[in-house]
Amino acid sequence: MDRSRVAIVIPAFNEALTIHQVLEAVQSQGISVVVDDGSGDETAARAAASGADVVRLRGNNGYDSALNAGFSRAAQIGCEFIVTMDADGQHDPAYLGAFLQALETEADVVVGVRDRRQRLGEAMFSWIGRAWWGIHDPLCGMKGYRMSIYRELGCFDSYGSVGTELAIFAARRQCRIANLPIRTRARSGQPRFGSSLRANYLILRALWHGIRRGYNY
């Protein structure tokens, strides 16, 4: 696939230690769009030096806001497909080829299915995601989308969905969903959502809003 058709959107907050390595591994597959979410370290500078298209946000806006900005940028530069990845090295770029092949040939949305989950909220979300929407791991940060799905919804996230709204929207629209197993690496540094208590709260809140809002799509 022509790399100009693909945006690899990477939200990043204080990921200076890993961002270069991640970008080096993905640059042959697409245009890297790094959204620097108000980092206090050299994340943005190192991403730019690695050849990424860097979107800088004022202040720390959060995961969903960063992805909203990344999708907006991908639309501006005319990409047809978007793959999201974390900046901390958890997602192996070796899976990008399989994601892009699925998007080009058989799927509207591709969802990574991780080999590990760590929180109660994630397990609950995954159970409901599989049973109701055919999405086996809704909270996996590595997903792929056709740009047409994003344009139909008009945003990536509108309610703090922890990265799940667009995939749920696609499933409710009877779009083709592919679930691809992936192996994840251990994260360096602090978890994105802080303590387990706070993380479970955010996840369960997103699940509730996803169920409630889903009937309006």
N, C-alpha and C. Protein backbone atom coordinates (compact mmCIF):
# COMPACT_ATOMS: atom_id res chain seq x y z
N MET A 1 0.85 -1.19 0.00
CA MET A 1 0.00 0.00 0.00
C MET A 1 0.89 1.25 0.00
N ASP A 2 0.51 2.23 -0.80
CA ASP A 2 1.24 3.49 -0.84
C ASP A 2 1.19 4.15 0.54
N ARG A 3 2.33 4.47 1.10
CA ARG A 3 2.37 5.02 2.46
C ARG A 3 1.65 6.36 2.58
N SER A 4 1.50 7.09 1.47
CA SER A 4 0.83 8.38 1.53
C SER A 4 -0.67 8.24 1.80
N ARG A 5 -1.19 7.03 1.66
CA ARG A 5 -2.61 6.79 1.92
C ARG A 5 -2.89 6.51 3.39
N VAL A 6 -1.84 6.35 4.17
CA VAL A 6 -1.97 5.88 5.56
C VAL A 6 -1.43 6.90 6.54
N ALA A 7 -2.23 7.22 7.56
CA ALA A 7 -1.74 8.02 8.69
C ALA A 7 -1.61 7.11 9.90
N ILE A 8 -0.47 7.15 10.54
CA ILE A 8 -0.27 6.42 11.78
C ILE A 8 -0.31 7.45 12.90
N VAL A 9 -1.42 7.50 13.60
CA VAL A 9 -1.67 8.54 14.60
C VAL A 9 -1.21 8.04 15.97
N ILE A 10 -0.31 8.82 16.58
CA ILE A 10 0.32 8.41 17.83
C ILE A 10 0.16 9.52 18.86
N PRO A 11 -0.76 9.38 19.81
CA PRO A 11 -0.86 10.37 20.89
C PRO A 11 0.31 10.17 21.85
N ALA A 12 0.88 11.27 22.32
CA ALA A 12 2.09 11.14 23.15
C ALA A 12 2.10 12.18 24.26
N PHE A 13 2.37 11.72 25.46
CA PHE A 13 2.54 12.61 26.60
C PHE A 13 3.76 12.16 27.38
N ASN A 14 4.82 12.97 27.32
CA ASN A 14 6.08 12.66 28.01
C ASN A 14 6.63 11.29 27.61
N GLU A 15 6.76 11.08 26.31
CA GLU A 15 7.28 9.81 25.79
C GLU A 15 8.60 10.01 25.05
N ALA A 16 9.43 10.94 25.53
CA ALA A 16 10.69 11.23 24.85
C ALA A 16 11.62 10.02 24.79
N LEU A 17 11.52 9.14 25.76
CA LEU A 17 12.42 7.98 25.82
C LEU A 17 12.10 6.94 24.75
N THR A 18 10.87 6.89 24.28
CA THR A 18 10.48 5.82 23.36
C THR A 18 10.05 6.31 21.98
N ILE A 19 9.74 7.58 21.83
CA ILE A 19 9.09 8.04 20.60
C ILE A 19 9.95 7.83 19.35
N HIS A 20 11.25 8.05 19.45
CA HIS A 20 12.10 7.86 18.26
C HIS A 20 12.09 6.41 17.81
N GLN A 21 12.21 5.49 18.74
CA GLN A 21 12.22 4.07 18.40
C GLN A 21 10.91 3.65 17.73
N VAL A 22 9.79 4.14 18.26
CA VAL A 22 8.49 3.82 17.66
C VAL A 22 8.40 4.36 16.25
N LEU A 23 8.79 5.61 16.06
CA LEU A 23 8.68 6.24 14.74
C LEU A 23 9.61 5.59 13.73
N GLU A 24 10.78 5.23 14.15
CA GLU A 24 11.73 4.58 13.26
C GLU A 24 11.15 3.28 12.70
N ALA A 25 10.36 2.59 13.53
CA ALA A 25 9.81 1.30 13.13
C ALA A 25 8.59 1.42 12.23
N VAL A 26 7.88 2.56 12.29
CA VAL A 26 6.62 2.67 11.53
C VAL A 26 6.71 3.54 10.30
N GLN A 27 7.79 4.30 10.11
CA GLN A 27 7.81 5.32 9.07
C GLN A 27 7.68 4.76 7.65
N SER A 28 8.06 3.52 7.43
CA SER A 28 7.94 2.95 6.09
C SER A 28 6.51 2.57 5.74
N GLN A 29 5.63 2.51 6.75
CA GLN A 29 4.26 2.06 6.52
C GLN A 29 3.27 3.20 6.26
N GLY A 30 3.61 4.41 6.69
CA GLY A 30 2.67 5.50 6.52
C GLY A 30 3.24 6.82 7.01
N ILE A 31 2.39 7.84 7.01
CA ILE A 31 2.78 9.15 7.51
C ILE A 31 2.53 9.19 9.01
N SER A 32 3.56 9.40 9.77
CA SER A 32 3.43 9.43 11.23
C SER A 32 2.90 10.79 11.67
N VAL A 33 1.79 10.76 12.39
CA VAL A 33 1.22 11.97 12.97
C VAL A 33 1.28 11.83 14.48
N VAL A 34 2.20 12.54 15.09
CA VAL A 34 2.37 12.49 16.54
C VAL A 34 1.65 13.69 17.14
N VAL A 35 0.77 13.42 18.09
CA VAL A 35 0.07 14.49 18.79
C VAL A 35 0.70 14.65 20.16
N ASP A 36 1.45 15.71 20.33
CA ASP A 36 2.10 15.98 21.61
C ASP A 36 1.09 16.65 22.54
N ASP A 37 0.66 15.92 23.54
CA ASP A 37 -0.42 16.36 24.41
C ASP A 37 0.11 17.14 25.61
N GLY A 38 0.81 18.24 25.32
CA GLY A 38 1.32 19.09 26.38
C GLY A 38 2.47 18.50 27.16
N SER A 39 3.33 17.75 26.51
CA SER A 39 4.45 17.12 27.21
C SER A 39 5.39 18.15 27.82
N GLY A 40 5.99 17.75 28.93
CA GLY A 40 6.96 18.61 29.59
C GLY A 40 8.38 18.20 29.29
N ASP A 41 8.55 17.22 28.39
CA ASP A 41 9.90 16.76 28.04
C ASP A 41 10.15 17.03 26.55
N GLU A 42 11.04 16.29 25.93
CA GLU A 42 11.44 16.53 24.55
C GLU A 42 10.67 15.69 23.55
N THR A 43 9.48 15.24 23.92
CA THR A 43 8.69 14.38 23.02
C THR A 43 8.50 15.03 21.65
N ALA A 44 8.00 16.26 21.61
CA ALA A 44 7.71 16.91 20.33
C ALA A 44 8.97 17.10 19.50
N ALA A 45 10.04 17.56 20.12
CA ALA A 45 11.28 17.81 19.38
C ALA A 45 11.85 16.52 18.80
N ARG A 46 11.82 15.45 19.58
CA ARG A 46 12.35 14.18 19.09
C ARG A 46 11.47 13.58 18.01
N ALA A 47 10.17 13.77 18.13
CA ALA A 47 9.27 13.29 17.08
C ALA A 47 9.51 14.04 15.78
N ALA A 48 9.66 15.34 15.86
CA ALA A 48 9.93 16.14 14.66
C ALA A 48 11.27 15.75 14.03
N ALA A 49 12.27 15.52 14.88
CA ALA A 49 13.58 15.13 14.37
C ALA A 49 13.54 13.76 13.70
N SER A 50 12.57 12.94 14.09
CA SER A 50 12.41 11.61 13.50
C SER A 50 11.55 11.62 12.25
N GLY A 51 11.11 12.81 11.83
CA GLY A 51 10.37 12.93 10.59
C GLY A 51 8.86 12.90 10.71
N ALA A 52 8.34 12.97 11.93
CA ALA A 52 6.90 12.92 12.11
C ALA A 52 6.25 14.27 11.83
N ASP A 53 4.99 14.21 11.45
CA ASP A 53 4.14 15.40 11.38
C ASP A 53 3.63 15.61 12.80
N VAL A 54 4.08 16.65 13.46
CA VAL A 54 3.78 16.83 14.89
C VAL A 54 2.68 17.87 15.08
N VAL A 55 1.64 17.46 15.80
CA VAL A 55 0.56 18.37 16.21
C VAL A 55 0.77 18.64 17.70
N ARG A 56 0.91 19.90 18.06
CA ARG A 56 1.17 20.25 19.46
C ARG A 56 -0.07 20.85 20.10
N LEU A 57 -0.50 20.28 21.20
CA LEU A 57 -1.65 20.78 21.94
C LEU A 57 -1.18 21.61 23.13
N ARG A 58 -1.95 22.61 23.46
CA ARG A 58 -1.65 23.42 24.64
C ARG A 58 -2.20 22.73 25.88
N GLY A 59 -1.34 22.40 26.81
CA GLY A 59 -1.78 21.72 28.01
C GLY A 59 -2.04 20.25 27.74
N ASN A 60 -2.27 19.52 28.82
CA ASN A 60 -2.55 18.09 28.73
C ASN A 60 -4.07 17.91 28.61
N ASN A 61 -4.53 17.61 27.39
CA ASN A 61 -5.96 17.53 27.11
C ASN A 61 -6.54 16.14 27.29
N GLY A 62 -5.70 15.13 27.32
CA GLY A 62 -6.18 13.77 27.49
C GLY A 62 -6.14 12.96 26.21
N TYR A 63 -6.24 11.65 26.38
CA TYR A 63 -6.09 10.68 25.30
C TYR A 63 -7.06 10.92 24.14
N ASP A 64 -8.33 11.05 24.44
CA ASP A 64 -9.32 11.20 23.38
C ASP A 64 -9.15 12.50 22.62
N SER A 65 -8.85 13.59 23.33
CA SER A 65 -8.64 14.86 22.65
C SER A 65 -7.42 14.80 21.74
N ALA A 66 -6.38 14.11 22.19
CA ALA A 66 -5.20 13.96 21.35
C ALA A 66 -5.52 13.19 20.08
N LEU A 67 -6.31 12.13 20.21
CA LEU A 67 -6.67 11.36 19.02
C LEU A 67 -7.61 12.16 18.11
N ASN A 68 -8.51 12.94 18.68
CA ASN A 68 -9.33 13.83 17.85
C ASN A 68 -8.45 14.72 16.98
N ALA A 69 -7.42 15.30 17.59
CA ALA A 69 -6.52 16.19 16.85
C ALA A 69 -5.75 15.42 15.78
N GLY A 70 -5.34 14.20 16.10
CA GLY A 70 -4.61 13.40 15.13
C GLY A 70 -5.45 12.99 13.94
N PHE A 71 -6.71 12.63 14.19
CA PHE A 71 -7.60 12.27 13.10
C PHE A 71 -7.90 13.48 12.22
N SER A 72 -8.08 14.63 12.85
CA SER A 72 -8.32 15.85 12.09
C SER A 72 -7.16 16.14 11.15
N ARG A 73 -5.95 15.98 11.66
CA ARG A 73 -4.77 16.21 10.84
C ARG A 73 -4.68 15.19 9.70
N ALA A 74 -4.97 13.93 9.97
CA ALA A 74 -4.94 12.90 8.94
C ALA A 74 -5.94 13.21 7.83
N ALA A 75 -7.11 13.73 8.21
CA ALA A 75 -8.11 14.12 7.21
C ALA A 75 -7.60 15.29 6.36
N GLN A 76 -6.93 16.23 7.00
CA GLN A 76 -6.41 17.40 6.29
C GLN A 76 -5.40 17.02 5.22
N ILE A 77 -4.58 16.02 5.50
CA ILE A 77 -3.52 15.65 4.56
C ILE A 77 -3.98 14.59 3.56
N GLY A 78 -5.27 14.22 3.64
CA GLY A 78 -5.86 13.38 2.61
C GLY A 78 -5.61 11.90 2.71
N CYS A 79 -5.37 11.39 3.91
CA CYS A 79 -5.15 9.96 4.07
C CYS A 79 -6.46 9.18 3.96
N GLU A 80 -6.38 7.94 3.49
CA GLU A 80 -7.56 7.09 3.33
C GLU A 80 -7.73 6.13 4.50
N PHE A 81 -6.64 5.84 5.18
CA PHE A 81 -6.66 4.89 6.29
C PHE A 81 -5.91 5.48 7.47
N ILE A 82 -6.34 5.11 8.66
CA ILE A 82 -5.69 5.57 9.88
C ILE A 82 -5.46 4.38 10.79
N VAL A 83 -4.26 4.29 11.33
CA VAL A 83 -3.96 3.31 12.38
C VAL A 83 -3.49 4.07 13.61
N THR A 84 -4.05 3.76 14.76
CA THR A 84 -3.62 4.39 16.01
C THR A 84 -2.70 3.45 16.76
N MET A 85 -1.67 4.03 17.37
CA MET A 85 -0.71 3.27 18.18
C MET A 85 -0.31 4.10 19.37
N ASP A 86 0.10 3.44 20.44
CA ASP A 86 0.62 4.16 21.60
C ASP A 86 2.08 4.52 21.37
N ALA A 87 2.53 5.56 22.07
CA ALA A 87 3.89 6.06 21.90
C ALA A 87 4.88 5.40 22.84
N ASP A 88 4.40 4.52 23.73
CA ASP A 88 5.26 3.97 24.77
C ASP A 88 5.93 2.65 24.40
N GLY A 89 5.73 2.20 23.15
CA GLY A 89 6.38 0.98 22.70
C GLY A 89 5.63 -0.30 23.01
N GLN A 90 4.42 -0.21 23.57
CA GLN A 90 3.66 -1.43 23.88
C GLN A 90 3.21 -2.17 22.63
N HIS A 91 2.91 -1.42 21.57
CA HIS A 91 2.39 -2.03 20.34
C HIS A 91 3.52 -2.32 19.38
N ASP A 92 3.61 -3.55 18.94
CA ASP A 92 4.67 -3.96 18.03
C ASP A 92 4.34 -3.50 16.61
N PRO A 93 5.17 -2.65 16.01
CA PRO A 93 4.90 -2.17 14.65
C PRO A 93 4.87 -3.28 13.61
N ALA A 94 5.35 -4.45 13.95
CA ALA A 94 5.33 -5.56 13.00
C ALA A 94 3.91 -5.94 12.60
N TYR A 95 2.93 -5.57 13.41
CA TYR A 95 1.53 -5.89 13.09
C TYR A 95 0.90 -4.91 12.09
N LEU A 96 1.57 -3.82 11.81
CA LEU A 96 0.99 -2.81 10.93
C LEU A 96 0.62 -3.38 9.55
N GLY A 97 1.47 -4.22 9.02
CA GLY A 97 1.20 -4.79 7.71
C GLY A 97 -0.11 -5.55 7.67
N ALA A 98 -0.38 -6.35 8.71
CA ALA A 98 -1.62 -7.12 8.77
C ALA A 98 -2.83 -6.20 8.92
N PHE A 99 -2.68 -5.13 9.71
CA PHE A 99 -3.77 -4.18 9.88
C PHE A 99 -4.11 -3.52 8.55
N LEU A 100 -3.09 -3.07 7.83
CA LEU A 100 -3.33 -2.38 6.57
C LEU A 100 -3.88 -3.31 5.50
N GLN A 101 -3.42 -4.54 5.49
CA GLN A 101 -3.95 -5.50 4.53
C GLN A 101 -5.42 -5.75 4.78
N ALA A 102 -5.80 -5.88 6.05
CA ALA A 102 -7.21 -6.10 6.39
C ALA A 102 -8.06 -4.90 5.99
N LEU A 103 -7.55 -3.69 6.23
CA LEU A 103 -8.30 -2.49 5.86
C LEU A 103 -8.47 -2.37 4.35
N GLU A 104 -7.46 -2.76 3.62
CA GLU A 104 -7.52 -2.60 2.17
C GLU A 104 -8.40 -3.66 1.51
N THR A 105 -8.53 -4.83 2.15
CA THR A 105 -9.20 -5.94 1.46
C THR A 105 -10.52 -6.37 2.08
N GLU A 106 -10.69 -6.23 3.41
CA GLU A 106 -11.86 -6.89 3.98
C GLU A 106 -12.54 -6.15 5.12
N ALA A 107 -11.94 -5.11 5.68
CA ALA A 107 -12.48 -4.52 6.90
C ALA A 107 -12.61 -3.01 6.80
N ASP A 108 -13.59 -2.48 7.52
CA ASP A 108 -13.72 -1.04 7.69
C ASP A 108 -13.01 -0.58 8.94
N VAL A 109 -12.96 -1.45 9.95
CA VAL A 109 -12.27 -1.18 11.21
C VAL A 109 -11.52 -2.44 11.62
N VAL A 110 -10.29 -2.26 12.08
CA VAL A 110 -9.49 -3.37 12.59
C VAL A 110 -9.15 -3.08 14.05
N VAL A 111 -9.41 -4.02 14.91
CA VAL A 111 -9.17 -3.85 16.34
C VAL A 111 -8.14 -4.87 16.81
N GLY A 112 -7.08 -4.39 17.45
CA GLY A 112 -6.12 -5.30 18.04
C GLY A 112 -6.71 -5.99 19.27
N VAL A 113 -6.41 -7.25 19.43
CA VAL A 113 -6.85 -8.01 20.60
C VAL A 113 -5.61 -8.39 21.39
N ARG A 114 -5.42 -7.72 22.52
CA ARG A 114 -4.19 -7.88 23.30
C ARG A 114 -4.11 -9.24 23.99
N ASP A 115 -2.91 -9.64 24.26
CA ASP A 115 -2.68 -10.91 24.95
C ASP A 115 -2.71 -10.74 26.47
N ARG A 116 -2.96 -9.51 26.93
CA ARG A 116 -3.03 -9.28 28.38
C ARG A 116 -3.98 -8.12 28.67
N ARG A 117 -4.69 -8.25 29.79
CA ARG A 117 -5.52 -7.16 30.32
C ARG A 117 -5.25 -7.09 31.81
N GLN A 118 -5.32 -5.87 32.37
CA GLN A 118 -4.86 -5.70 33.74
C GLN A 118 -5.93 -5.17 34.69
N ARG A 119 -7.07 -4.76 34.18
CA ARG A 119 -8.04 -4.09 35.04
C ARG A 119 -9.41 -4.74 34.92
N LEU A 120 -10.17 -4.66 36.01
CA LEU A 120 -11.53 -5.17 36.02
C LEU A 120 -12.38 -4.49 34.97
N GLY A 121 -12.26 -3.15 34.88
CA GLY A 121 -13.05 -2.42 33.90
C GLY A 121 -12.79 -2.87 32.48
N GLU A 122 -11.54 -3.19 32.15
CA GLU A 122 -11.20 -3.65 30.81
C GLU A 122 -11.88 -4.98 30.50
N ALA A 123 -11.87 -5.89 31.49
CA ALA A 123 -12.50 -7.19 31.29
C ALA A 123 -14.00 -7.04 31.03
N MET A 124 -14.65 -6.17 31.79
CA MET A 124 -16.08 -5.94 31.60
C MET A 124 -16.37 -5.34 30.24
N PHE A 125 -15.57 -4.34 29.85
CA PHE A 125 -15.75 -3.68 28.57
C PHE A 125 -15.56 -4.69 27.43
N SER A 126 -14.56 -5.54 27.56
CA SER A 126 -14.29 -6.52 26.51
C SER A 126 -15.41 -7.54 26.39
N TRP A 127 -15.97 -7.97 27.52
CA TRP A 127 -17.06 -8.94 27.49
C TRP A 127 -18.27 -8.35 26.77
N ILE A 128 -18.63 -7.13 27.13
CA ILE A 128 -19.77 -6.48 26.49
C ILE A 128 -19.46 -6.16 25.03
N GLY A 129 -18.23 -5.73 24.77
CA GLY A 129 -17.85 -5.42 23.40
C GLY A 129 -17.96 -6.61 22.48
N ARG A 130 -17.54 -7.76 22.97
CA ARG A 130 -17.62 -8.98 22.16
C ARG A 130 -19.07 -9.41 21.95
N ALA A 131 -19.84 -9.38 23.03
CA ALA A 131 -21.22 -9.87 22.98
C ALA A 131 -22.15 -8.95 22.20
N TRP A 132 -21.99 -7.64 22.35
CA TRP A 132 -22.94 -6.70 21.76
C TRP A 132 -22.51 -6.18 20.40
N TRP A 133 -21.20 -5.96 20.24
CA TRP A 133 -20.74 -5.28 19.03
C TRP A 133 -19.78 -6.09 18.18
N GLY A 134 -19.38 -7.25 18.65
CA GLY A 134 -18.40 -8.04 17.90
C GLY A 134 -17.01 -7.45 17.94
N ILE A 135 -16.74 -6.64 18.97
CA ILE A 135 -15.42 -6.03 19.16
C ILE A 135 -14.78 -6.70 20.37
N HIS A 136 -13.74 -7.46 20.16
CA HIS A 136 -13.21 -8.33 21.21
C HIS A 136 -12.38 -7.60 22.26
N ASP A 137 -11.75 -6.50 21.89
CA ASP A 137 -10.92 -5.75 22.84
C ASP A 137 -11.07 -4.26 22.55
N PRO A 138 -12.21 -3.68 22.92
CA PRO A 138 -12.50 -2.29 22.53
C PRO A 138 -11.46 -1.29 23.02
N LEU A 139 -10.78 -1.58 24.13
CA LEU A 139 -9.87 -0.62 24.73
C LEU A 139 -8.43 -0.73 24.21
N CYS A 140 -8.19 -1.64 23.31
CA CYS A 140 -6.85 -1.72 22.74
C CYS A 140 -6.54 -0.44 21.98
N GLY A 141 -5.38 0.13 22.22
CA GLY A 141 -5.01 1.38 21.58
C GLY A 141 -4.55 1.24 20.15
N MET A 142 -4.35 0.01 19.69
CA MET A 142 -3.95 -0.22 18.30
C MET A 142 -5.18 -0.63 17.51
N LYS A 143 -5.66 0.30 16.70
CA LYS A 143 -6.84 0.06 15.86
C LYS A 143 -6.59 0.70 14.50
N GLY A 144 -7.32 0.22 13.51
CA GLY A 144 -7.24 0.79 12.17
C GLY A 144 -8.63 1.14 11.66
N TYR A 145 -8.73 2.19 10.86
CA TYR A 145 -10.01 2.68 10.38
C TYR A 145 -9.90 3.14 8.93
N ARG A 146 -11.00 2.97 8.20
CA ARG A 146 -11.14 3.69 6.94
C ARG A 146 -11.55 5.13 7.25
N MET A 147 -11.00 6.06 6.52
CA MET A 147 -11.32 7.46 6.76
C MET A 147 -12.81 7.73 6.58
N SER A 148 -13.48 6.96 5.74
CA SER A 148 -14.91 7.18 5.50
C SER A 148 -15.72 7.00 6.78
N ILE A 149 -15.31 6.10 7.68
CA ILE A 149 -16.01 5.90 8.95
C ILE A 149 -15.88 7.14 9.82
N TYR A 150 -14.68 7.68 9.87
CA TYR A 150 -14.44 8.89 10.65
C TYR A 150 -15.26 10.06 10.10
N ARG A 151 -15.29 10.21 8.80
CA ARG A 151 -16.04 11.32 8.21
C ARG A 151 -17.53 11.17 8.46
N GLU A 152 -18.03 9.95 8.49
CA GLU A 152 -19.46 9.75 8.74
C GLU A 152 -19.84 10.17 10.15
N LEU A 153 -19.03 9.80 11.14
CA LEU A 153 -19.33 10.19 12.52
C LEU A 153 -19.05 11.68 12.74
N GLY A 154 -17.99 12.18 12.10
CA GLY A 154 -17.64 13.59 12.21
C GLY A 154 -16.63 13.92 13.27
N CYS A 155 -16.20 12.91 14.01
CA CYS A 155 -15.16 13.09 15.03
C CYS A 155 -14.65 11.72 15.42
N PHE A 156 -13.59 11.69 16.18
CA PHE A 156 -13.13 10.42 16.72
C PHE A 156 -13.84 10.11 18.03
N ASP A 157 -14.03 11.13 18.84
CA ASP A 157 -14.61 10.94 20.17
C ASP A 157 -15.42 12.18 20.54
N SER A 158 -16.55 11.97 21.21
CA SER A 158 -17.37 13.09 21.64
C SER A 158 -17.76 13.03 23.11
N TYR A 159 -17.38 11.96 23.82
CA TYR A 159 -17.83 11.85 25.21
C TYR A 159 -16.79 11.26 26.17
N GLY A 160 -15.52 11.22 25.77
CA GLY A 160 -14.51 10.63 26.64
C GLY A 160 -14.60 9.12 26.65
N SER A 161 -14.50 8.53 25.46
CA SER A 161 -14.78 7.10 25.30
C SER A 161 -13.57 6.19 25.52
N VAL A 162 -12.44 6.75 25.90
CA VAL A 162 -11.18 6.00 26.04
C VAL A 162 -10.87 5.27 24.72
N GLY A 163 -11.07 5.98 23.63
CA GLY A 163 -10.70 5.45 22.32
C GLY A 163 -11.63 4.41 21.74
N THR A 164 -12.90 4.36 22.18
CA THR A 164 -13.79 3.30 21.74
C THR A 164 -14.96 3.76 20.87
N GLU A 165 -15.28 5.05 20.88
CA GLU A 165 -16.52 5.51 20.25
C GLU A 165 -16.59 5.19 18.76
N LEU A 166 -15.52 5.46 18.02
CA LEU A 166 -15.58 5.29 16.57
C LEU A 166 -15.76 3.83 16.18
N ALA A 167 -15.12 2.92 16.90
CA ALA A 167 -15.28 1.50 16.61
C ALA A 167 -16.70 1.03 16.92
N ILE A 168 -17.26 1.50 18.05
CA ILE A 168 -18.63 1.13 18.40
C ILE A 168 -19.61 1.69 17.38
N PHE A 169 -19.38 2.93 16.98
CA PHE A 169 -20.21 3.55 15.94
C PHE A 169 -20.20 2.71 14.67
N ALA A 170 -19.01 2.26 14.25
CA ALA A 170 -18.89 1.46 13.04
C ALA A 170 -19.64 0.14 13.18
N ALA A 171 -19.52 -0.49 14.34
CA ALA A 171 -20.21 -1.76 14.56
C ALA A 171 -21.72 -1.58 14.48
N ARG A 172 -22.23 -0.50 15.06
CA ARG A 172 -23.67 -0.25 15.03
C ARG A 172 -24.14 0.11 13.62
N ARG A 173 -23.24 0.56 12.79
CA ARG A 173 -23.56 0.85 11.39
C ARG A 173 -23.42 -0.40 10.50
N GLN A 174 -23.19 -1.55 11.11
CA GLN A 174 -23.02 -2.81 10.39
C GLN A 174 -21.79 -2.81 9.49
N CYS A 175 -20.78 -2.03 9.88
CA CYS A 175 -19.52 -2.04 9.14
C CYS A 175 -18.75 -3.32 9.44
N ARG A 176 -17.80 -3.61 8.61
CA ARG A 176 -17.02 -4.83 8.77
C ARG A 176 -15.92 -4.61 9.81
N ILE A 177 -15.95 -5.42 10.87
CA ILE A 177 -14.98 -5.32 11.96
C ILE A 177 -14.07 -6.54 11.92
N ALA A 178 -12.77 -6.33 11.91
CA ALA A 178 -11.80 -7.42 12.01
C ALA A 178 -11.09 -7.33 13.35
N ASN A 179 -10.98 -8.45 14.04
CA ASN A 179 -10.28 -8.52 15.32
C ASN A 179 -8.98 -9.31 15.12
N LEU A 180 -7.84 -8.63 15.31
CA LEU A 180 -6.54 -9.25 15.07
C LEU A 180 -5.77 -9.40 16.37
N PRO A 181 -5.42 -10.63 16.77
CA PRO A 181 -4.63 -10.82 17.99
C PRO A 181 -3.26 -10.17 17.86
N ILE A 182 -2.83 -9.49 18.93
CA ILE A 182 -1.50 -8.90 18.96
C ILE A 182 -0.84 -9.19 20.31
N ARG A 183 0.46 -9.26 20.30
CA ARG A 183 1.22 -9.36 21.55
C ARG A 183 1.67 -7.96 21.95
N THR A 184 1.57 -7.67 23.22
CA THR A 184 1.97 -6.34 23.70
C THR A 184 3.23 -6.46 24.54
N ARG A 185 3.97 -5.37 24.57
CA ARG A 185 5.19 -5.31 25.35
C ARG A 185 4.92 -4.59 26.67
N ALA A 186 5.78 -4.80 27.63
CA ALA A 186 5.64 -4.11 28.91
C ALA A 186 5.86 -2.62 28.72
N ARG A 187 5.03 -1.82 29.36
CA ARG A 187 5.15 -0.37 29.27
C ARG A 187 6.25 0.13 30.18
N SER A 188 6.99 1.14 29.69
CA SER A 188 7.94 1.84 30.55
C SER A 188 7.28 3.12 31.04
N GLY A 189 7.44 3.45 32.30
CA GLY A 189 6.83 4.67 32.83
C GLY A 189 5.47 4.42 33.43
N GLN A 190 4.78 5.52 33.75
CA GLN A 190 3.49 5.45 34.42
C GLN A 190 2.36 5.10 33.44
N PRO A 191 1.33 4.37 33.91
CA PRO A 191 0.17 4.09 33.06
C PRO A 191 -0.50 5.38 32.61
N ARG A 192 -1.12 5.35 31.44
CA ARG A 192 -1.73 6.54 30.86
C ARG A 192 -2.81 7.13 31.76
N PHE A 193 -3.60 6.27 32.40
CA PHE A 193 -4.74 6.75 33.16
C PHE A 193 -4.51 6.76 34.67
N GLY A 194 -3.25 6.65 35.08
CA GLY A 194 -2.95 6.77 36.50
C GLY A 194 -3.32 5.53 37.29
N SER A 195 -3.84 5.72 38.48
CA SER A 195 -4.12 4.62 39.40
C SER A 195 -5.19 3.69 38.85
N SER A 196 -5.22 2.47 39.38
CA SER A 196 -6.21 1.49 38.94
C SER A 196 -7.62 1.97 39.24
N LEU A 197 -7.81 2.63 40.39
CA LEU A 197 -9.13 3.12 40.75
C LEU A 197 -9.62 4.15 39.73
N ARG A 198 -8.77 5.11 39.41
CA ARG A 198 -9.15 6.14 38.44
C ARG A 198 -9.35 5.52 37.06
N ALA A 199 -8.48 4.60 36.67
CA ALA A 199 -8.59 3.98 35.36
C ALA A 199 -9.90 3.21 35.23
N ASN A 200 -10.25 2.44 36.26
CA ASN A 200 -11.51 1.69 36.20
C ASN A 200 -12.71 2.63 36.13
N TYR A 201 -12.63 3.75 36.85
CA TYR A 201 -13.71 4.73 36.78
C TYR A 201 -13.88 5.26 35.36
N LEU A 202 -12.77 5.66 34.72
CA LEU A 202 -12.84 6.20 33.36
C LEU A 202 -13.36 5.17 32.37
N ILE A 203 -12.91 3.93 32.54
CA ILE A 203 -13.32 2.87 31.63
C ILE A 203 -14.81 2.56 31.77
N LEU A 204 -15.28 2.41 33.02
CA LEU A 204 -16.69 2.10 33.24
C LEU A 204 -17.59 3.26 32.84
N ARG A 205 -17.10 4.48 33.05
CA ARG A 205 -17.85 5.66 32.60
C ARG A 205 -17.99 5.64 31.08
N ALA A 206 -16.89 5.33 30.38
CA ALA A 206 -16.92 5.27 28.92
C ALA A 206 -17.86 4.17 28.45
N LEU A 207 -17.86 3.04 29.14
CA LEU A 207 -18.74 1.93 28.78
C LEU A 207 -20.20 2.35 28.91
N TRP A 208 -20.53 3.00 30.02
CA TRP A 208 -21.90 3.45 30.24
C TRP A 208 -22.35 4.43 29.15
N HIS A 209 -21.51 5.40 28.84
CA HIS A 209 -21.87 6.37 27.82
C HIS A 209 -21.95 5.72 26.45
N GLY A 210 -21.08 4.74 26.20
CA GLY A 210 -21.12 4.04 24.92
C GLY A 210 -22.41 3.27 24.73
N ILE A 211 -22.88 2.62 25.79
CA ILE A 211 -24.14 1.88 25.71
C ILE A 211 -25.31 2.84 25.53
N ARG A 212 -25.32 3.90 26.34
CA ARG A 212 -26.43 4.86 26.28
C ARG A 212 -26.47 5.61 24.96
N ARG A 213 -25.31 6.08 24.52
CA ARG A 213 -25.25 6.87 23.29
C ARG A 213 -25.46 6.01 22.06
N GLY A 214 -25.10 4.75 22.18
CA GLY A 214 -25.19 3.86 21.02
C GLY A 214 -26.56 3.79 20.41
N TYR A 215 -27.58 3.93 21.21
CA TYR A 215 -28.93 3.84 20.67
C TYR A 215 -29.30 5.06 19.83
N ASN A 216 -28.49 6.12 19.90
CA ASN A 216 -28.79 7.32 19.13
C ASN A 216 -28.10 7.34 17.78
N TYR A 217 -27.23 6.35 17.51
CA TYR A 217 -26.53 6.36 16.23
C TYR A 217 -27.47 5.91 15.12
